[in-house]
Amino acid sequence: QVQLVESGGGLVPAGGSLRLSCVASGRSFSSYTMGWFRQAPGKEREFVAALRGSTYYRDSVKGRFTISRDNAKNTVYLQMNSLKPEDTAVYYCAAKVGWTTRISKDSEYDYWGQGTQVTVSS
């Protein structure tokens, strides 16, 4: 069983930055595909970014968000710059044991964190 704990959310004005962190338990972190998803009120959960060797992003965050990982700390990060009100959502960290070709599909992920709220004011 893998436990994921997110942190770093908060309230930020439009144009600001936040860095989300997600710490994973377990000994095989380096073998996991790690992803970030988000869910805004009244909307379905959507893919934001993922990392397994290469990085993957949804179009609306390309150039603004950066996903990275520190395997020595069992941690994945999401650096979010130039935030917009439409980025407001609960952000979830997710882990997939091994690899998937459907890296943007939430159903592919095996473990999820509890979520952290990101609110961007206009």
PDB file of N, CA and C in Angstrom:
ATOM      1  N   GLN A   1       0.843  -1.186   0.000  1.00  0.00           N
ATOM      2  CA  GLN A   1       0.000   0.000   0.000  1.00  0.00           C
ATOM      3  C   GLN A   1       0.882   1.241   0.000  1.00  0.00           C
ATOM      4  N   VAL A   2       0.518   2.196  -0.841  1.00  0.00           N
ATOM      5  CA  VAL A   2       1.264   3.448  -0.950  1.00  0.00           C
ATOM      6  C   VAL A   2       0.377   4.566  -0.428  1.00  0.00           C
ATOM      7  N   GLN A   3       0.921   5.386   0.411  1.00  0.00           N
ATOM      8  CA  GLN A   3       0.214   6.569   0.896  1.00  0.00           C
ATOM      9  C   GLN A   3       0.836   7.812   0.294  1.00  0.00           C
ATOM     10  N   LEU A   4      -0.023   8.723  -0.138  1.00  0.00           N
ATOM     11  CA  LEU A   4       0.414   9.965  -0.754  1.00  0.00           C
ATOM     12  C   LEU A   4      -0.133  11.129   0.069  1.00  0.00           C
ATOM     13  N   VAL A   5       0.728  12.071   0.395  1.00  0.00           N
ATOM     14  CA  VAL A   5       0.315  13.225   1.191  1.00  0.00           C
ATOM     15  C   VAL A   5       0.742  14.493   0.463  1.00  0.00           C
ATOM     16  N   GLU A   6      -0.255  15.287   0.059  1.00  0.00           N
ATOM     17  CA  GLU A   6       0.016  16.543  -0.652  1.00  0.00           C
ATOM     18  C   GLU A   6       0.110  17.700   0.337  1.00  0.00           C
ATOM     19  N   SER A   7       0.813  18.722  -0.082  1.00  0.00           N
ATOM     20  CA  SER A   7       0.872  19.977   0.667  1.00  0.00           C
ATOM     21  C   SER A   7       1.211  21.099  -0.301  1.00  0.00           C
ATOM     22  N   GLY A   8       1.059  22.330   0.180  1.00  0.00           N
ATOM     23  CA  GLY A   8       1.474  23.477  -0.614  1.00  0.00           C
ATOM     24  C   GLY A   8       0.361  24.278  -1.247  1.00  0.00           C
ATOM     25  N   GLY A   9      -0.877  23.830  -1.092  1.00  0.00           N
ATOM     26  CA  GLY A   9      -1.976  24.594  -1.646  1.00  0.00           C
ATOM     27  C   GLY A   9      -2.214  25.878  -0.861  1.00  0.00           C
ATOM     28  N   GLY A  10      -3.089  26.713  -1.396  1.00  0.00           N
ATOM     29  CA  GLY A  10      -3.401  27.959  -0.708  1.00  0.00           C
ATOM     30  C   GLY A  10      -4.123  28.923  -1.609  1.00  0.00           C
ATOM     31  N   LEU A  11      -4.222  30.174  -1.122  1.00  0.00           N
ATOM     32  CA  LEU A  11      -4.867  31.251  -1.858  1.00  0.00           C
ATOM     33  C   LEU A  11      -3.784  32.162  -2.430  1.00  0.00           C
ATOM     34  N   VAL A  12      -3.874  32.448  -3.717  1.00  0.00           N
ATOM     35  CA  VAL A  12      -2.856  33.255  -4.379  1.00  0.00           C
ATOM     36  C   VAL A  12      -3.540  34.153  -5.405  1.00  0.00           C
ATOM     37  N   PRO A  13      -3.066  35.378  -5.602  1.00  0.00           N
ATOM     38  CA  PRO A  13      -3.664  36.231  -6.631  1.00  0.00           C
ATOM     39  C   PRO A  13      -3.283  35.757  -8.030  1.00  0.00           C
ATOM     40  N   ALA A  14      -4.094  36.133  -8.997  1.00  0.00           N
ATOM     41  CA  ALA A  14      -3.790  35.796 -10.378  1.00  0.00           C
ATOM     42  C   ALA A  14      -2.387  36.302 -10.741  1.00  0.00           C
ATOM     43  N   GLY A  15      -1.653  35.463 -11.453  1.00  0.00           N
ATOM     44  CA  GLY A  15      -0.278  35.785 -11.795  1.00  0.00           C
ATOM     45  C   GLY A  15       0.742  35.274 -10.799  1.00  0.00           C
ATOM     46  N   GLY A  16       0.275  34.801  -9.673  1.00  0.00           N
ATOM     47  CA  GLY A  16       1.173  34.309  -8.637  1.00  0.00           C
ATOM     48  C   GLY A  16       1.619  32.882  -8.874  1.00  0.00           C
ATOM     49  N   SER A  17       2.360  32.365  -7.899  1.00  0.00           N
ATOM     50  CA  SER A  17       2.941  31.022  -8.009  1.00  0.00           C
ATOM     51  C   SER A  17       2.694  30.222  -6.736  1.00  0.00           C
ATOM     52  N   LEU A  18       2.645  28.931  -6.912  1.00  0.00           N
ATOM     53  CA  LEU A  18       2.595  27.985  -5.801  1.00  0.00           C
ATOM     54  C   LEU A  18       3.392  26.746  -6.196  1.00  0.00           C
ATOM     55  N   ARG A  19       3.923  26.066  -5.204  1.00  0.00           N
ATOM     56  CA  ARG A  19       4.560  24.773  -5.454  1.00  0.00           C
ATOM     57  C   ARG A  19       3.887  23.729  -4.594  1.00  0.00           C
ATOM     58  N   LEU A  20       3.292  22.764  -5.232  1.00  0.00           N
ATOM     59  CA  LEU A  20       2.691  21.648  -4.534  1.00  0.00           C
ATOM     60  C   LEU A  20       3.724  20.537  -4.368  1.00  0.00           C
ATOM     61  N   SER A  21       3.624  19.858  -3.232  1.00  0.00           N
ATOM     62  CA  SER A  21       4.487  18.713  -2.961  1.00  0.00           C
ATOM     63  C   SER A  21       3.630  17.499  -2.646  1.00  0.00           C
ATOM     64  N   CYS A  22       4.141  16.348  -2.963  1.00  0.00           N
ATOM     65  CA  CYS A  22       3.450  15.093  -2.656  1.00  0.00           C
ATOM     66  C   CYS A  22       4.500  14.084  -2.220  1.00  0.00           C
ATOM     67  N   VAL A  23       4.391  13.668  -0.963  1.00  0.00           N
ATOM     68  CA  VAL A  23       5.329  12.692  -0.418  1.00  0.00           C
ATOM     69  C   VAL A  23       4.678  11.316  -0.429  1.00  0.00           C
ATOM     70  N   ALA A  24       5.417  10.351  -0.950  1.00  0.00           N
ATOM     71  CA  ALA A  24       4.909   8.982  -1.056  1.00  0.00           C
ATOM     72  C   ALA A  24       5.604   8.056  -0.078  1.00  0.00           C
ATOM     73  N   SER A  25       4.842   7.147   0.491  1.00  0.00           N
ATOM     74  CA  SER A  25       5.442   6.095   1.311  1.00  0.00           C
ATOM     75  C   SER A  25       5.888   4.973   0.384  1.00  0.00           C
ATOM     76  N   GLY A  26       6.634   4.029   0.929  1.00  0.00           N
ATOM     77  CA  GLY A  26       7.025   2.883   0.126  1.00  0.00           C
ATOM     78  C   GLY A  26       8.443   2.970  -0.383  1.00  0.00           C
ATOM     79  N   ARG A  27       8.942   1.855  -0.870  1.00  0.00           N
ATOM     80  CA  ARG A  27      10.351   1.727  -1.243  1.00  0.00           C
ATOM     81  C   ARG A  27      10.590   1.773  -2.741  1.00  0.00           C
ATOM     82  N   SER A  28       9.530   1.815  -3.519  1.00  0.00           N
ATOM     83  CA  SER A  28       9.691   1.698  -4.968  1.00  0.00           C
ATOM     84  C   SER A  28       9.269   2.972  -5.693  1.00  0.00           C
ATOM     85  N   PHE A  29       9.432   4.092  -5.018  1.00  0.00           N
ATOM     86  CA  PHE A  29       8.940   5.356  -5.566  1.00  0.00           C
ATOM     87  C   PHE A  29       9.493   5.616  -6.958  1.00  0.00           C
ATOM     88  N   SER A  30      10.752   5.321  -7.165  1.00  0.00           N
ATOM     89  CA  SER A  30      11.380   5.643  -8.450  1.00  0.00           C
ATOM     90  C   SER A  30      10.747   4.873  -9.614  1.00  0.00           C
ATOM     91  N   SER A  31      10.052   3.798  -9.309  1.00  0.00           N
ATOM     92  CA  SER A  31       9.419   3.003 -10.368  1.00  0.00           C
ATOM     93  C   SER A  31       7.986   3.430 -10.664  1.00  0.00           C
ATOM     94  N   TYR A  32       7.479   4.390  -9.906  1.00  0.00           N
ATOM     95  CA  TYR A  32       6.095   4.824 -10.091  1.00  0.00           C
ATOM     96  C   TYR A  32       6.006   5.883 -11.179  1.00  0.00           C
ATOM     97  N   THR A  33       4.942   5.824 -11.936  1.00  0.00           N
ATOM     98  CA  THR A  33       4.525   6.969 -12.727  1.00  0.00           C
ATOM     99  C   THR A  33       3.747   7.883 -11.789  1.00  0.00           C
ATOM    100  N   MET A  34       4.121   9.153 -11.739  1.00  0.00           N
ATOM    101  CA  MET A  34       3.463  10.101 -10.835  1.00  0.00           C
ATOM    102  C   MET A  34       2.679  11.135 -11.631  1.00  0.00           C
ATOM    103  N   GLY A  35       1.497  11.431 -11.138  1.00  0.00           N
ATOM    104  CA  GLY A  35       0.660  12.393 -11.841  1.00  0.00           C
ATOM    105  C   GLY A  35       0.001  13.373 -10.900  1.00  0.00           C
ATOM    106  N   TRP A  36      -0.401  14.496 -11.459  1.00  0.00           N
ATOM    107  CA  TRP A  36      -1.218  15.487 -10.770  1.00  0.00           C
ATOM    108  C   TRP A  36      -2.523  15.643 -11.554  1.00  0.00           C
ATOM    109  N   PHE A  37      -3.620  15.634 -10.811  1.00  0.00           N
ATOM    110  CA  PHE A  37      -4.943  15.866 -11.376  1.00  0.00           C
ATOM    111  C   PHE A  37      -5.596  16.982 -10.581  1.00  0.00           C
ATOM    112  N   ARG A  38      -6.675  17.526 -11.096  1.00  0.00           N
ATOM    113  CA  ARG A  38      -7.396  18.558 -10.359  1.00  0.00           C
ATOM    114  C   ARG A  38      -8.891  18.422 -10.620  1.00  0.00           C
ATOM    115  N   GLN A  39      -9.645  18.920  -9.659  1.00  0.00           N
ATOM    116  CA  GLN A  39     -11.092  18.907  -9.786  1.00  0.00           C
ATOM    117  C   GLN A  39     -11.661  20.208  -9.254  1.00  0.00           C
ATOM    118  N   ALA A  40     -12.300  20.933 -10.137  1.00  0.00           N
ATOM    119  CA  ALA A  40     -12.967  22.174  -9.766  1.00  0.00           C
ATOM    120  C   ALA A  40     -14.415  21.872  -9.386  1.00  0.00           C
ATOM    121  N   PRO A  41     -15.040  22.746  -8.601  1.00  0.00           N
ATOM    122  CA  PRO A  41     -16.431  22.504  -8.189  1.00  0.00           C
ATOM    123  C   PRO A  41     -17.344  22.311  -9.393  1.00  0.00           C
ATOM    124  N   GLY A  42     -18.136  21.254  -9.355  1.00  0.00           N
ATOM    125  CA  GLY A  42     -19.088  20.988 -10.421  1.00  0.00           C
ATOM    126  C   GLY A  42     -18.490  20.426 -11.693  1.00  0.00           C
ATOM    127  N   LYS A  43     -17.197  20.133 -11.667  1.00  0.00           N
ATOM    128  CA  LYS A  43     -16.537  19.608 -12.868  1.00  0.00           C
ATOM    129  C   LYS A  43     -15.908  18.251 -12.585  1.00  0.00           C
ATOM    130  N   GLU A  44     -15.625  17.526 -13.655  1.00  0.00           N
ATOM    131  CA  GLU A  44     -14.947  16.249 -13.510  1.00  0.00           C
ATOM    132  C   GLU A  44     -13.457  16.460 -13.219  1.00  0.00           C
ATOM    133  N   ARG A  45     -12.890  15.455 -12.608  1.00  0.00           N
ATOM    134  CA  ARG A  45     -11.451  15.503 -12.363  1.00  0.00           C
ATOM    135  C   ARG A  45     -10.716  15.464 -13.695  1.00  0.00           C
ATOM    136  N   GLU A  46      -9.671  16.265 -13.823  1.00  0.00           N
ATOM    137  CA  GLU A  46      -8.931  16.340 -15.074  1.00  0.00           C
ATOM    138  C   GLU A  46      -7.433  16.212 -14.851  1.00  0.00           C
ATOM    139  N   PHE A  47      -6.795  15.695 -15.864  1.00  0.00           N
ATOM    140  CA  PHE A  47      -5.347  15.523 -15.864  1.00  0.00           C
ATOM    141  C   PHE A  47      -4.657  16.881 -15.911  1.00  0.00           C
ATOM    142  N   VAL A  48      -3.573  17.005 -15.154  1.00  0.00           N
ATOM    143  CA  VAL A  48      -2.769  18.225 -15.185  1.00  0.00           C
ATOM    144  C   VAL A  48      -1.372  17.930 -15.725  1.00  0.00           C
ATOM    145  N   ALA A  49      -0.682  16.974 -15.091  1.00  0.00           N
ATOM    146  CA  ALA A  49       0.693  16.685 -15.492  1.00  0.00           C
ATOM    147  C   ALA A  49       1.080  15.301 -15.002  1.00  0.00           C
ATOM    148  N   ALA A  50       2.074  14.713 -15.639  1.00  0.00           N
ATOM    149  CA  ALA A  50       2.576  13.413 -15.212  1.00  0.00           C
ATOM    150  C   ALA A  50       4.048  13.296 -15.566  1.00  0.00           C
ATOM    151  N   LEU A  51       4.701  12.363 -14.865  1.00  0.00           N
ATOM    152  CA  LEU A  51       6.143  12.212 -15.016  1.00  0.00           C
ATOM    153  C   LEU A  51       6.531  10.751 -14.864  1.00  0.00           C
ATOM    154  N   ARG A  52       7.173  10.248 -15.891  1.00  0.00           N
ATOM    155  CA  ARG A  52       7.801   8.932 -15.807  1.00  0.00           C
ATOM    156  C   ARG A  52       8.902   8.971 -16.858  1.00  0.00           C
ATOM    157  N   GLY A  53      10.058   9.491 -16.439  1.00  0.00           N
ATOM    158  CA  GLY A  53      11.078   9.742 -17.452  1.00  0.00           C
ATOM    159  C   GLY A  53      10.736  11.042 -18.151  1.00  0.00           C
ATOM    160  N   SER A  54       9.854  10.987 -19.098  1.00  0.00           N
ATOM    161  CA  SER A  54       9.377  12.186 -19.778  1.00  0.00           C
ATOM    162  C   SER A  54       8.276  12.859 -18.958  1.00  0.00           C
ATOM    163  N   THR A  55       8.004  14.097 -19.327  1.00  0.00           N
ATOM    164  CA  THR A  55       6.922  14.836 -18.682  1.00  0.00           C
ATOM    165  C   THR A  55       5.776  15.052 -19.669  1.00  0.00           C
ATOM    166  N   TYR A  56       4.582  15.144 -19.106  1.00  0.00           N
ATOM    167  CA  TYR A  56       3.366  15.289 -19.909  1.00  0.00           C
ATOM    168  C   TYR A  56       2.488  16.339 -19.237  1.00  0.00           C
ATOM    169  N   TYR A  57       1.853  17.184 -20.026  1.00  0.00           N
ATOM    170  CA  TYR A  57       1.024  18.269 -19.494  1.00  0.00           C
ATOM    171  C   TYR A  57      -0.248  18.422 -20.312  1.00  0.00           C
ATOM    172  N   ARG A  58      -1.294  18.873 -19.627  1.00  0.00           N
ATOM    173  CA  ARG A  58      -2.457  19.288 -20.398  1.00  0.00           C
ATOM    174  C   ARG A  58      -2.116  20.611 -21.067  1.00  0.00           C
ATOM    175  N   ASP A  59      -2.764  20.875 -22.182  1.00  0.00           N
ATOM    176  CA  ASP A  59      -2.383  22.031 -22.988  1.00  0.00           C
ATOM    177  C   ASP A  59      -2.482  23.341 -22.230  1.00  0.00           C
ATOM    178  N   SER A  60      -3.497  23.477 -21.388  1.00  0.00           N
ATOM    179  CA  SER A  60      -3.737  24.774 -20.747  1.00  0.00           C
ATOM    180  C   SER A  60      -2.701  25.139 -19.697  1.00  0.00           C
ATOM    181  N   VAL A  61      -1.859  24.206 -19.296  1.00  0.00           N
ATOM    182  CA  VAL A  61      -0.835  24.516 -18.284  1.00  0.00           C
ATOM    183  C   VAL A  61       0.577  24.469 -18.858  1.00  0.00           C
ATOM    184  N   LYS A  62       0.711  24.077 -20.104  1.00  0.00           N
ATOM    185  CA  LYS A  62       2.047  24.020 -20.709  1.00  0.00           C
ATOM    186  C   LYS A  62       2.696  25.392 -20.676  1.00  0.00           C
ATOM    187  N   GLY A  63       3.960  25.424 -20.266  1.00  0.00           N
ATOM    188  CA  GLY A  63       4.688  26.676 -20.166  1.00  0.00           C
ATOM    189  C   GLY A  63       4.485  27.396 -18.852  1.00  0.00           C
ATOM    190  N   ARG A  64       3.524  26.958 -18.061  1.00  0.00           N
ATOM    191  CA  ARG A  64       3.265  27.588 -16.758  1.00  0.00           C
ATOM    192  C   ARG A  64       3.552  26.635 -15.602  1.00  0.00           C
ATOM    193  N   PHE A  65       3.245  25.375 -15.773  1.00  0.00           N
ATOM    194  CA  PHE A  65       3.432  24.381 -14.714  1.00  0.00           C
ATOM    195  C   PHE A  65       4.616  23.483 -15.053  1.00  0.00           C
ATOM    196  N   THR A  66       5.302  23.015 -14.000  1.00  0.00           N
ATOM    197  CA  THR A  66       6.405  22.087 -14.181  1.00  0.00           C
ATOM    198  C   THR A  66       6.300  20.981 -13.140  1.00  0.00           C
ATOM    199  N   ILE A  67       6.290  19.749 -13.608  1.00  0.00           N
ATOM    200  CA  ILE A  67       6.302  18.603 -12.704  1.00  0.00           C
ATOM    201  C   ILE A  67       7.727  18.086 -12.589  1.00  0.00           C
ATOM    202  N   SER A  68       8.109  17.712 -11.376  1.00  0.00           N
ATOM    203  CA  SER A  68       9.445  17.178 -11.150  1.00  0.00           C
ATOM    204  C   SER A  68       9.387  16.216  -9.972  1.00  0.00           C
ATOM    205  N   ARG A  69      10.456  15.484  -9.777  1.00  0.00           N
ATOM    206  CA  ARG A  69      10.479  14.518  -8.677  1.00  0.00           C
ATOM    207  C   ARG A  69      11.878  14.453  -8.080  1.00  0.00           C
ATOM    208  N   ASP A  70      11.902  14.099  -6.800  1.00  0.00           N
ATOM    209  CA  ASP A  70      13.153  13.846  -6.087  1.00  0.00           C
ATOM    210  C   ASP A  70      13.015  12.446  -5.505  1.00  0.00           C
ATOM    211  N   ASN A  71      13.623  11.472  -6.173  1.00  0.00           N
ATOM    212  CA  ASN A  71      13.456  10.088  -5.739  1.00  0.00           C
ATOM    213  C   ASN A  71      14.088   9.826  -4.366  1.00  0.00           C
ATOM    214  N   ALA A  72      15.099  10.581  -4.019  1.00  0.00           N
ATOM    215  CA  ALA A  72      15.736  10.401  -2.706  1.00  0.00           C
ATOM    216  C   ALA A  72      14.797  10.819  -1.583  1.00  0.00           C
ATOM    217  N   LYS A  73      13.848  11.707  -1.904  1.00  0.00           N
ATOM    218  CA  LYS A  73      12.898  12.180  -0.898  1.00  0.00           C
ATOM    219  C   LYS A  73      11.499  11.602  -1.105  1.00  0.00           C
ATOM    220  N   ASN A  74      11.362  10.706  -2.066  1.00  0.00           N
ATOM    221  CA  ASN A  74      10.038  10.125  -2.375  1.00  0.00           C
ATOM    222  C   ASN A  74       8.992  11.223  -2.603  1.00  0.00           C
ATOM    223  N   THR A  75       9.382  12.252  -3.309  1.00  0.00           N
ATOM    224  CA  THR A  75       8.525  13.421  -3.455  1.00  0.00           C
ATOM    225  C   THR A  75       8.389  13.823  -4.917  1.00  0.00           C
ATOM    226  N   VAL A  76       7.172  14.200  -5.279  1.00  0.00           N
ATOM    227  CA  VAL A  76       6.912  14.792  -6.590  1.00  0.00           C
ATOM    228  C   VAL A  76       6.377  16.196  -6.352  1.00  0.00           C
ATOM    229  N   TYR A  77       6.770  17.099  -7.240  1.00  0.00           N
ATOM    230  CA  TYR A  77       6.404  18.504  -7.105  1.00  0.00           C
ATOM    231  C   TYR A  77       5.596  18.958  -8.323  1.00  0.00           C
ATOM    232  N   LEU A  78       4.809  19.985  -8.094  1.00  0.00           N
ATOM    233  CA  LEU A  78       4.157  20.685  -9.193  1.00  0.00           C
ATOM    234  C   LEU A  78       4.373  22.174  -8.969  1.00  0.00           C
ATOM    235  N   GLN A  79       5.278  22.741  -9.735  1.00  0.00           N
ATOM    236  CA  GLN A  79       5.513  24.180  -9.669  1.00  0.00           C
ATOM    237  C   GLN A  79       4.520  24.850 -10.595  1.00  0.00           C
ATOM    238  N   MET A  80       3.746  25.759 -10.044  1.00  0.00           N
ATOM    239  CA  MET A  80       2.688  26.429 -10.812  1.00  0.00           C
ATOM    240  C   MET A  80       2.971  27.925 -10.843  1.00  0.00           C
ATOM    241  N   ASN A  81       3.221  28.438 -12.016  1.00  0.00           N
ATOM    242  CA  ASN A  81       3.495  29.860 -12.209  1.00  0.00           C
ATOM    243  C   ASN A  81       2.394  30.493 -13.053  1.00  0.00           C
ATOM    244  N   SER A  82       2.341  31.815 -13.014  1.00  0.00           N
ATOM    245  CA  SER A  82       1.353  32.555 -13.812  1.00  0.00           C
ATOM    246  C   SER A  82      -0.047  31.976 -13.630  1.00  0.00           C
ATOM    247  N   LEU A  83      -0.401  31.776 -12.386  1.00  0.00           N
ATOM    248  CA  LEU A  83      -1.684  31.147 -12.086  1.00  0.00           C
ATOM    249  C   LEU A  83      -2.850  32.014 -12.533  1.00  0.00           C
ATOM    250  N   LYS A  84      -3.907  31.329 -12.943  1.00  0.00           N
ATOM    251  CA  LYS A  84      -5.117  31.981 -13.431  1.00  0.00           C
ATOM    252  C   LYS A  84      -6.303  31.537 -12.577  1.00  0.00           C
ATOM    253  N   PRO A  85      -7.357  32.347 -12.509  1.00  0.00           N
ATOM    254  CA  PRO A  85      -8.533  31.925 -11.728  1.00  0.00           C
ATOM    255  C   PRO A  85      -9.074  30.555 -12.157  1.00  0.00           C
ATOM    256  N   GLU A  86      -8.941  30.224 -13.424  1.00  0.00           N
ATOM    257  CA  GLU A  86      -9.446  28.931 -13.898  1.00  0.00           C
ATOM    258  C   GLU A  86      -8.582  27.753 -13.440  1.00  0.00           C
ATOM    259  N   ASP A  87      -7.461  28.029 -12.794  1.00  0.00           N
ATOM    260  CA  ASP A  87      -6.662  26.960 -12.182  1.00  0.00           C
ATOM    261  C   ASP A  87      -7.186  26.570 -10.806  1.00  0.00           C
ATOM    262  N   THR A  88      -8.156  27.308 -10.303  1.00  0.00           N
ATOM    263  CA  THR A  88      -8.721  27.022  -8.991  1.00  0.00           C
ATOM    264  C   THR A  88      -9.351  25.631  -8.976  1.00  0.00           C
ATOM    265  N   ALA A  89      -8.918  24.808  -8.026  1.00  0.00           N
ATOM    266  CA  ALA A  89      -9.394  23.426  -7.933  1.00  0.00           C
ATOM    267  C   ALA A  89      -8.748  22.752  -6.732  1.00  0.00           C
ATOM    268  N   VAL A  90      -9.236  21.579  -6.429  1.00  0.00           N
ATOM    269  CA  VAL A  90      -8.517  20.693  -5.523  1.00  0.00           C
ATOM    270  C   VAL A  90      -7.549  19.885  -6.376  1.00  0.00           C
ATOM    271  N   TYR A  91      -6.292  19.907  -5.995  1.00  0.00           N
ATOM    272  CA  TYR A  91      -5.252  19.207  -6.742  1.00  0.00           C
ATOM    273  C   TYR A  91      -4.898  17.904  -6.027  1.00  0.00           C
ATOM    274  N   TYR A  92      -4.863  16.842  -6.819  1.00  0.00           N
ATOM    275  CA  TYR A  92      -4.588  15.508  -6.296  1.00  0.00           C
ATOM    276  C   TYR A  92      -3.308  14.945  -6.895  1.00  0.00           C
ATOM    277  N   CYS A  93      -2.542  14.333  -6.055  1.00  0.00           N
ATOM    278  CA  CYS A  93      -1.381  13.572  -6.473  1.00  0.00           C
ATOM    279  C   CYS A  93      -1.806  12.122  -6.673  1.00  0.00           C
ATOM    280  N   ALA A  94      -1.251  11.466  -7.681  1.00  0.00           N
ATOM    281  CA  ALA A  94      -1.594  10.077  -7.959  1.00  0.00           C
ATOM    282  C   ALA A  94      -0.352   9.297  -8.358  1.00  0.00           C
ATOM    283  N   ALA A  95      -0.365   8.018  -8.038  1.00  0.00           N
ATOM    284  CA  ALA A  95       0.765   7.149  -8.356  1.00  0.00           C
ATOM    285  C   ALA A  95       0.289   5.914  -9.105  1.00  0.00           C
ATOM    286  N   LYS A  96       1.042   5.594 -10.136  1.00  0.00           N
ATOM    287  CA  LYS A  96       0.774   4.396 -10.925  1.00  0.00           C
ATOM    288  C   LYS A  96       1.989   3.479 -10.785  1.00  0.00           C
ATOM    289  N   VAL A  97       1.768   2.246 -10.355  1.00  0.00           N
ATOM    290  CA  VAL A  97       2.871   1.289 -10.278  1.00  0.00           C
ATOM    291  C   VAL A  97       3.209   0.871 -11.700  1.00  0.00           C
ATOM    292  N   GLY A  98       4.431   1.189 -12.115  1.00  0.00           N
ATOM    293  CA  GLY A  98       4.840   0.850 -13.469  1.00  0.00           C
ATOM    294  C   GLY A  98       4.439   1.919 -14.459  1.00  0.00           C
ATOM    295  N   TRP A  99       4.246   1.507 -15.686  1.00  0.00           N
ATOM    296  CA  TRP A  99       4.030   2.426 -16.793  1.00  0.00           C
ATOM    297  C   TRP A  99       2.663   2.206 -17.421  1.00  0.00           C
ATOM    298  N   THR A 100       2.115   3.243 -17.998  1.00  0.00           N
ATOM    299  CA  THR A 100       0.891   3.142 -18.769  1.00  0.00           C
ATOM    300  C   THR A 100       0.996   4.040 -19.985  1.00  0.00           C
ATOM    301  N   THR A 101       0.376   3.621 -21.063  1.00  0.00           N
ATOM    302  CA  THR A 101       0.324   4.483 -22.233  1.00  0.00           C
ATOM    303  C   THR A 101      -0.791   5.510 -22.090  1.00  0.00           C
ATOM    304  N   ARG A 102      -1.702   5.275 -21.159  1.00  0.00           N
ATOM    305  CA  ARG A 102      -2.819   6.191 -20.951  1.00  0.00           C
ATOM    306  C   ARG A 102      -2.530   7.042 -19.712  1.00  0.00           C
ATOM    307  N   ILE A 103      -1.441   7.760 -19.774  1.00  0.00           N
ATOM    308  CA  ILE A 103      -0.919   8.464 -18.605  1.00  0.00           C
ATOM    309  C   ILE A 103      -1.824   9.586 -18.147  1.00  0.00           C
ATOM    310  N   SER A 104      -2.711  10.069 -18.973  1.00  0.00           N
ATOM    311  CA  SER A 104      -3.606  11.158 -18.586  1.00  0.00           C
ATOM    312  C   SER A 104      -4.955  10.669 -18.073  1.00  0.00           C
ATOM    313  N   LYS A 105      -5.131   9.356 -17.992  1.00  0.00           N
ATOM    314  CA  LYS A 105      -6.405   8.786 -17.544  1.00  0.00           C
ATOM    315  C   LYS A 105      -6.353   8.484 -16.053  1.00  0.00           C
ATOM    316  N   ASP A 106      -7.253   9.096 -15.287  1.00  0.00           N
ATOM    317  CA  ASP A 106      -7.199   8.894 -13.838  1.00  0.00           C
ATOM    318  C   ASP A 106      -7.456   7.443 -13.449  1.00  0.00           C
ATOM    319  N   SER A 107      -8.195   6.721 -14.265  1.00  0.00           N
ATOM    320  CA  SER A 107      -8.484   5.323 -13.956  1.00  0.00           C
ATOM    321  C   SER A 107      -7.237   4.435 -14.009  1.00  0.00           C
ATOM    322  N   GLU A 108      -6.169   4.923 -14.595  1.00  0.00           N
ATOM    323  CA  GLU A 108      -4.938   4.148 -14.690  1.00  0.00           C
ATOM    324  C   GLU A 108      -4.122   4.174 -13.399  1.00  0.00           C
ATOM    325  N   TYR A 109      -4.411   5.093 -12.522  1.00  0.00           N
ATOM    326  CA  TYR A 109      -3.583   5.293 -11.325  1.00  0.00           C
ATOM    327  C   TYR A 109      -4.080   4.449 -10.168  1.00  0.00           C
ATOM    328  N   ASP A 110      -3.122   3.965  -9.399  1.00  0.00           N
ATOM    329  CA  ASP A 110      -3.417   3.005  -8.337  1.00  0.00           C
ATOM    330  C   ASP A 110      -3.639   3.653  -6.972  1.00  0.00           C
ATOM    331  N   TYR A 111      -2.987   4.769  -6.735  1.00  0.00           N
ATOM    332  CA  TYR A 111      -3.040   5.398  -5.410  1.00  0.00           C
ATOM    333  C   TYR A 111      -3.264   6.894  -5.571  1.00  0.00           C
ATOM    334  N   TRP A 112      -3.981   7.453  -4.569  1.00  0.00           N
ATOM    335  CA  TRP A 112      -4.335   8.862  -4.617  1.00  0.00           C
ATOM    336  C   TRP A 112      -4.106   9.517  -3.261  1.00  0.00           C
ATOM    337  N   GLY A 113      -3.732  10.787  -3.304  1.00  0.00           N
ATOM    338  CA  GLY A 113      -3.664  11.568  -2.090  1.00  0.00           C
ATOM    339  C   GLY A 113      -5.020  12.148  -1.742  1.00  0.00           C
ATOM    340  N   GLN A 114      -5.051  12.891  -0.646  1.00  0.00           N
ATOM    341  CA  GLN A 114      -6.314  13.432  -0.137  1.00  0.00           C
ATOM    342  C   GLN A 114      -6.689  14.745  -0.817  1.00  0.00           C
ATOM    343  N   GLY A 115      -5.749  15.351  -1.515  1.00  0.00           N
ATOM    344  CA  GLY A 115      -6.020  16.596  -2.221  1.00  0.00           C
ATOM    345  C   GLY A 115      -5.608  17.816  -1.435  1.00  0.00           C
ATOM    346  N   THR A 116      -5.266  18.868  -2.160  1.00  0.00           N
ATOM    347  CA  THR A 116      -4.939  20.146  -1.551  1.00  0.00           C
ATOM    348  C   THR A 116      -5.602  21.249  -2.383  1.00  0.00           C
ATOM    349  N   GLN A 117      -6.208  22.202  -1.693  1.00  0.00           N
ATOM    350  CA  GLN A 117      -6.983  23.240  -2.365  1.00  0.00           C
ATOM    351  C   GLN A 117      -6.062  24.335  -2.897  1.00  0.00           C
ATOM    352  N   VAL A 118      -6.268  24.695  -4.151  1.00  0.00           N
ATOM    353  CA  VAL A 118      -5.600  25.843  -4.759  1.00  0.00           C
ATOM    354  C   VAL A 118      -6.680  26.813  -5.203  1.00  0.00           C
ATOM    355  N   THR A 119      -6.599  28.038  -4.698  1.00  0.00           N
ATOM    356  CA  THR A 119      -7.562  29.068  -5.055  1.00  0.00           C
ATOM    357  C   THR A 119      -6.811  30.265  -5.618  1.00  0.00           C
ATOM    358  N   VAL A 120      -7.184  30.668  -6.829  1.00  0.00           N
ATOM    359  CA  VAL A 120      -6.540  31.798  -7.488  1.00  0.00           C
ATOM    360  C   VAL A 120      -7.569  32.909  -7.603  1.00  0.00           C
ATOM    361  N   SER A 121      -7.289  34.027  -6.969  1.00  0.00           N
ATOM    362  CA  SER A 121      -8.229  35.150  -6.980  1.00  0.00           C
ATOM    363  C   SER A 121      -7.956  36.067  -8.174  1.00  0.00           C
ATOM    364  N   SER A 122      -9.026  36.637  -8.691  1.00  0.00           N
ATOM    365  CA  SER A 122      -8.889  37.527  -9.858  1.00  0.00           C
ATOM    366  C   SER A 122      -8.675  38.966  -9.438  1.00  0.00           C
TER     367      SER A 122
END
